[in-house]
Protein backbone atom coordinates (compact mmCIF):
# COMPACT_ATOMS: atom_id res chain seq x y z
CA ARG A 1 103.97 124.40 101.32
CA ILE A 2 102.38 124.95 97.98
CA GLY A 3 101.67 122.51 95.27
CA MET A 4 99.95 121.43 92.36
CA GLN A 5 97.24 119.81 91.31
CA TYR A 6 95.26 119.41 88.34
CA HIS A 7 91.30 120.79 88.01
CA TRP A 8 88.69 121.30 85.33
CA ARG A 9 86.34 124.14 85.42
CA ASN A 10 82.66 124.41 84.81
CA ARG A 11 81.99 127.45 82.77
CA ASN A 12 78.44 126.69 82.73
CA TYR A 13 78.62 123.86 79.79
CA LYS A 14 75.22 122.84 78.47
CA ASN A 15 77.39 119.82 77.40
CA PHE A 16 80.38 118.14 76.34
CA ASP A 17 80.58 119.57 72.77
CA GLU A 18 80.27 123.15 74.31
CA PHE A 19 83.14 122.28 76.29
CA LEU A 20 84.94 120.94 73.56
CA MET A 21 84.67 124.68 71.55
CA ASP A 22 86.70 126.60 74.08
CA MET A 23 89.73 124.38 73.09
CA LYS A 24 91.86 124.81 70.55
CA GLN A 25 91.09 122.95 66.98
CA ASN A 26 93.80 120.34 67.32
CA LYS A 27 92.96 119.24 71.42
CA ARG A 28 89.12 119.84 70.37
CA LYS A 29 89.78 117.00 67.50
CA ASN A 30 92.72 114.74 69.79
CA ILE A 31 89.94 114.70 72.03
CA ARG A 32 87.07 113.31 69.81
CA GLN A 33 89.37 110.87 68.04
CA GLU A 34 90.32 109.35 71.31
CA ARG A 35 86.42 109.22 72.28
CA LYS A 36 85.78 108.04 69.22
CA LYS A 37 88.03 104.86 69.98
CA ILE A 38 85.44 103.55 72.44
CA SER A 39 82.69 102.62 70.64
CA ALA A 40 84.91 101.68 67.88
CA GLN A 41 86.27 99.31 70.51
CA ASN A 42 82.48 98.39 71.52
CA LEU A 43 82.77 99.15 74.66
CA THR A 44 80.22 100.76 76.91
CA MET A 45 80.67 103.66 79.28
CA LYS A 46 77.85 103.70 82.66
CA ARG A 47 77.92 106.34 85.21
CA LEU A 48 76.19 104.93 88.41
CA ARG A 49 75.51 106.39 91.41
CA GLY A 50 73.85 105.03 95.00
CA HIS A 51 71.35 101.87 94.74
CA GLU A 52 72.70 101.44 90.68
CA ILE A 53 76.02 100.26 92.20
CA LYS A 54 75.58 96.69 92.55
CA ALA A 55 77.40 94.05 95.04
CA LYS A 56 79.18 93.09 91.56
CA HIS A 57 80.22 96.49 90.81
CA TRP A 58 82.55 96.93 93.68
CA ASP A 59 83.93 93.22 93.50
CA SER A 60 84.95 94.03 90.07
CA PHE A 61 86.38 97.33 91.05
CA TYR A 62 88.55 95.90 94.25
CA ARG A 63 89.96 93.54 91.02
CA PHE A 64 91.11 96.52 89.09
CA TYR A 65 92.36 98.52 91.98
CA LYS A 66 94.10 95.39 93.17
CA ASN A 67 95.48 95.36 89.58
CA THR A 68 96.11 99.11 89.54
CA THR A 69 98.48 98.53 93.01
CA ASP A 70 100.20 95.27 91.62
CA ASN A 71 100.92 96.96 88.48
CA LYS A 72 102.98 100.00 90.20
CA TRP A 73 104.44 98.41 93.19
CA GLY A 74 102.26 99.53 95.77
CA SER A 75 100.36 98.19 98.46
CA PRO A 76 96.70 97.58 98.37
CA TYR A 77 95.63 99.09 101.53
CA LEU A 78 91.98 99.15 100.98
CA THR A 79 89.94 96.09 101.45
CA ARG A 80 87.05 94.89 99.46
CA ASP A 81 84.77 95.37 102.37
CA PHE A 82 85.74 99.42 102.26
CA PHE A 83 84.21 99.29 99.04
CA HIS A 84 80.95 97.68 100.03
CA ASP A 85 80.98 100.04 102.87
CA MET A 86 81.63 102.72 101.21
CA GLY A 87 79.12 102.38 98.74
CA SER A 88 76.09 101.55 101.59
CA LYS A 89 76.98 104.46 103.68
CA MET A 90 77.69 107.45 101.04
CA LYS A 91 75.21 106.34 98.70
CA ASP A 92 75.01 108.81 96.03
CA GLN A 93 78.33 110.64 96.98
CA VAL A 94 79.69 107.70 95.22
CA LEU A 95 80.03 107.87 91.39
CA LEU A 96 81.34 104.96 89.59
CA VAL A 97 82.30 104.84 86.14
CA VAL A 98 82.31 101.62 84.64
CA ALA A 99 83.17 100.05 81.12
CA GLU A 100 81.66 97.17 79.88
CA ASP A 101 83.01 94.91 76.89
CA GLY A 102 79.31 92.68 76.39
CA ASP A 103 78.27 91.68 79.14
CA GLU A 104 82.37 92.13 81.49
CA LEU A 105 83.31 94.38 83.06
CA VAL A 106 86.62 95.81 82.21
CA ALA A 107 87.65 99.19 84.02
CA GLY A 108 86.09 101.36 86.72
CA ALA A 109 87.10 105.19 88.02
CA LEU A 110 85.81 106.32 91.42
CA ASN A 111 84.81 109.26 92.02
CA LEU A 112 83.57 111.04 95.33
CA ILE A 113 81.11 114.31 95.53
CA GLY A 114 81.96 116.47 97.65
CA GLY A 115 79.88 120.31 97.86
CA ASP A 116 80.23 121.70 94.40
CA SER A 117 82.99 119.49 92.97
CA LEU A 118 84.09 115.71 91.74
CA PHE A 119 86.40 114.33 93.32
CA GLY A 120 88.65 112.02 91.19
CA ARG A 121 90.27 108.89 93.32
CA LEU A 122 90.98 105.67 91.95
CA TRP A 123 91.01 103.79 88.42
CA GLY A 124 91.95 100.10 87.54
CA CYS A 125 91.09 98.23 84.50
CA HIS A 126 90.96 93.82 83.84
CA PRO A 127 94.52 92.53 84.59
CA ARG A 128 94.43 91.02 80.57
CA ALA A 129 92.76 94.35 78.91
CA TYR A 130 94.17 96.80 77.03
CA TYR A 131 91.84 99.44 75.71
CA PRO A 132 93.53 102.62 73.97
CA SER A 133 91.99 105.66 75.54
CA LEU A 134 90.23 103.91 77.96
CA HIS A 135 91.82 105.39 80.83
CA PHE A 136 91.25 109.23 79.75
CA GLU A 137 87.47 107.97 79.06
CA ALA A 138 86.62 106.92 82.12
CA CYS A 139 88.92 109.08 84.29
CA TYR A 140 88.43 112.55 82.36
CA TYR A 141 85.96 112.65 80.18
CA GLN A 142 82.96 110.78 82.00
CA ALA A 143 84.18 112.74 85.15
CA ILE A 144 83.71 116.29 82.78
CA GLU A 145 79.85 114.89 81.83
CA ALA A 146 79.20 114.18 84.74
CA ALA A 147 80.30 117.54 86.62
CA ILE A 148 78.16 119.02 83.82
CA GLU A 149 75.26 116.97 84.23
CA LEU A 150 75.37 117.76 87.89
CA SER A 151 75.68 121.12 87.53
CA LEU A 152 79.24 120.91 89.28
CA SER A 153 81.80 124.14 89.00
CA ALA A 154 84.76 121.66 89.16
CA VAL A 155 86.12 118.46 88.84
CA GLU A 156 89.63 117.62 91.05
CA ALA A 157 91.87 114.97 89.18
CA GLY A 158 94.48 115.18 91.37
CA ALA A 159 98.29 115.03 91.38
CA GLN A 160 101.00 114.45 88.45
CA GLY A 161 99.82 114.01 85.14
CA GLU A 162 100.97 116.72 82.50
CA HIS A 163 99.08 114.18 79.91
CA LYS A 164 95.51 115.93 81.93
CA ILE A 165 96.67 119.81 80.68
CA GLN A 166 95.71 118.64 76.89
CA ARG A 167 92.12 117.34 77.98
CA GLY A 168 91.11 120.25 79.51
CA TYR A 169 92.60 120.08 83.37
CA LEU A 170 94.91 122.67 84.63
CA PRO A 171 96.94 123.45 86.89
CA VAL A 172 96.07 124.73 90.47
CA THR A 173 97.54 125.76 93.56
CA THR A 174 97.37 123.46 96.59
CA TYR A 175 98.63 124.34 100.26
CA SER A 176 99.52 122.03 103.44
CA CYS A 177 100.67 123.21 106.68
CA HIS A 178 103.81 121.42 108.29
CA TYR A 179 105.06 121.60 112.18
CA LEU A 180 108.45 120.61 112.98
CA LEU A 181 109.30 119.76 116.07
CA HIS A 182 113.49 119.73 115.84
CA GLU A 183 114.10 123.21 115.67
CA ASN A 184 117.23 122.53 113.67
CA PHE A 185 115.25 121.64 110.68
CA ARG A 186 112.98 125.15 110.73
CA LYS A 187 115.15 127.12 108.94
CA PRO A 188 116.83 124.80 106.27
CA ILE A 189 112.61 123.70 105.03
CA GLU A 190 112.31 127.18 105.15
CA ASN A 191 114.81 127.63 102.42
CA PHE A 192 113.71 125.01 100.28
CA LEU A 193 110.13 125.89 100.58
CA VAL A 194 110.86 129.42 99.35
CA ARG A 195 113.04 128.35 96.36
CA GLU A 196 110.55 125.26 95.63
CA SER A 197 107.62 127.44 95.83
CA THR A 198 109.28 130.19 93.25
CA GLN A 199 109.89 126.94 90.78
CA VAL A 200 106.08 125.84 91.25
CA ASN A 201 104.67 129.16 90.71
CA LEU A 202 107.31 128.98 87.25
CA VAL A 203 105.84 126.43 86.04
CA MET A 204 102.22 126.84 86.69
CA LYS A 205 102.46 130.44 84.94
CA LEU A 206 104.18 128.52 81.85
CA LEU A 207 101.63 125.44 81.44
CA HIS A 208 99.04 127.90 81.84
CA GLU A 209 100.18 130.26 79.18
CA SER A 210 100.60 126.90 76.66
CA GLY A 211 97.08 125.31 77.68
CA PRO A 212 94.89 123.99 75.28
CA PHE A 213 92.32 126.38 75.95
CA LYS A 214 91.99 129.51 73.09
CA ASP A 215 93.13 132.57 73.79
CA GLY A 216 91.43 134.63 76.70
CA ILE A 217 89.65 131.55 77.95
CA ARG A 218 91.36 130.93 81.55
């Protein structure tokens, strides 16, 4: 089965501004306006790895994670200990982006570094916090800056969210394999997948054609 995720690709950028110069003028302007909102709200963004991530950061991030699952009617299947264990065992493979309002941690985005890519995984904020554009900054722009800094080729931001496109993340094809035990299901599902694949490919083509980058940049 084919699916679709949104990835950012590093074209050997030296910095974030060089990436922005590949964007269409209106998209570039929008990103700069969103990033200015962070400093205007007196927020400080930090990218933490390895020993820089303390127990207090994981405790705060667990609360942020719980807030996200509560708001989305999800189940918090990850425990507080899980985050602490992951930090101690994976060390520099973990990149935690945090936002501070003064001395208080108010939001965080969890990323994992693997191979030549940065994988965005979880996001959360303080239950009483609302900061315009903070989600975009923590999850997308900080990830791009980190990938450039670490010379990684891509940021994989996961599925869903066409709002990612105007921020430089384009749709890419993903693949999954499935074995069906019940033979009577195989043909109907095969027929469905043919129709679904046609639709997914069409949507991806249209999204690329109307993408945020200047002509000739794909």
